[in-house]
């Protein structure tokens, strides 16, 4: 299991467009991908799950990958979210 804490910097937080970017990145991974915020963890491949967390800007979230190619998956997700200026 690979895990990393990141800060959401998108001005609207992790809602709508940035959540779609996150879900699309996670959906390409073979392993299980989850995101945690304030003690609640959801499947990062589910747009409804991610949006249900209501993650505002400047919030610390935890991204977790577990399974096949988990390290590569986590790197890809982080690179994608940074390129879209969703996280720092």
Protein backbone atom coordinates (compact mmCIF):
# COMPACT_ATOMS: atom_id res chain seq x y z
CA UNK A 1 0.00 0.00 0.00
CA UNK A 2 1.30 3.44 -1.00
CA UNK A 3 -0.04 6.56 0.71
CA UNK A 4 0.66 10.29 0.46
CA UNK A 5 -0.81 13.43 2.01
CA UNK A 6 -1.34 16.42 -0.32
CA UNK A 7 -2.98 19.86 -0.08
CA UNK A 8 -5.81 20.84 -2.43
CA UNK A 9 -5.03 24.28 -3.90
CA UNK A 10 -7.75 24.56 -6.54
CA UNK A 11 -9.79 27.69 -5.65
CA UNK A 12 -13.07 25.73 -5.61
CA UNK A 13 -11.62 22.74 -3.76
CA UNK A 14 -12.12 19.21 -5.07
CA UNK A 15 -15.53 19.74 -6.72
CA UNK A 16 -16.90 19.25 -10.26
CA UNK A 17 -14.03 19.87 -12.75
CA UNK A 18 -11.11 19.06 -10.44
CA UNK A 19 -12.96 16.01 -9.09
CA UNK A 20 -13.47 14.80 -12.67
CA UNK A 21 -9.73 15.20 -13.32
CA UNK A 22 -8.98 13.17 -10.17
CA UNK A 23 -11.48 10.42 -11.02
CA UNK A 24 -10.24 10.13 -14.61
CA UNK A 25 -6.64 9.78 -13.40
CA UNK A 26 -7.60 7.16 -10.80
CA UNK A 27 -9.78 5.21 -13.23
CA UNK A 28 -6.76 4.45 -15.43
CA UNK A 29 -5.05 2.62 -12.55
CA UNK A 30 -5.22 -1.15 -12.07
CA UNK A 31 -5.06 -0.93 -8.28
CA UNK A 32 -7.58 0.25 -5.72
CA UNK A 33 -7.37 4.04 -5.31
CA UNK A 34 -8.96 5.93 -2.43
CA UNK A 35 -9.04 9.45 -1.07
CA UNK A 36 -9.53 10.33 2.61
CA UNK A 37 -10.67 13.59 4.18
CA UNK A 38 -11.73 14.25 7.78
CA UNK A 39 -11.85 10.56 8.66
CA UNK A 40 -13.97 9.52 5.66
CA UNK A 41 -12.51 7.41 2.86
CA UNK A 42 -14.06 6.90 -0.58
CA UNK A 43 -13.17 5.16 -3.83
CA UNK A 44 -11.36 7.73 -5.97
CA UNK A 45 -12.76 6.10 -9.10
CA UNK A 46 -16.27 7.27 -8.11
CA UNK A 47 -17.18 10.86 -8.98
CA UNK A 48 -20.08 10.81 -6.51
CA UNK A 49 -17.83 9.45 -3.79
CA UNK A 50 -15.17 12.12 -4.32
CA UNK A 51 -17.70 14.95 -4.51
CA UNK A 52 -19.51 13.66 -1.40
CA UNK A 53 -16.42 14.52 0.67
CA UNK A 54 -16.95 18.25 0.00
CA UNK A 55 -13.21 18.98 0.06
CA UNK A 56 -12.57 22.76 0.18
CA UNK A 57 -9.43 24.54 -0.97
CA UNK A 58 -6.38 24.42 1.32
CA UNK A 59 -7.47 21.05 2.75
CA UNK A 60 -5.10 18.17 3.39
CA UNK A 61 -6.23 14.90 1.85
CA UNK A 62 -4.70 11.43 1.81
CA UNK A 63 -4.37 9.50 -1.46
CA UNK A 64 -3.94 5.74 -1.15
CA UNK A 65 -3.15 3.14 -3.79
CA UNK A 66 -3.30 -0.56 -2.95
CA UNK A 67 -2.62 -3.40 -5.35
CA UNK A 68 -1.03 -3.92 -8.75
CA UNK A 69 1.37 -1.14 -9.81
CA UNK A 70 0.37 0.98 -6.80
CA UNK A 71 3.55 3.07 -6.76
CA UNK A 72 3.27 3.95 -10.45
CA UNK A 73 -0.44 4.68 -10.00
CA UNK A 74 0.17 7.10 -7.14
CA UNK A 75 2.89 8.92 -9.09
CA UNK A 76 0.62 9.25 -12.14
CA UNK A 77 -2.30 10.59 -10.09
CA UNK A 78 -0.10 13.13 -8.30
CA UNK A 79 1.49 14.29 -11.57
CA UNK A 80 -1.92 14.69 -13.20
CA UNK A 81 -3.40 16.64 -10.26
CA UNK A 82 -0.33 18.89 -10.03
CA UNK A 83 -0.39 19.57 -13.79
CA UNK A 84 -4.03 20.65 -13.47
CA UNK A 85 -3.19 22.77 -10.40
CA UNK A 86 -5.57 20.79 -8.19
CA UNK A 87 -2.88 19.99 -5.57
CA UNK A 88 0.56 21.36 -4.72
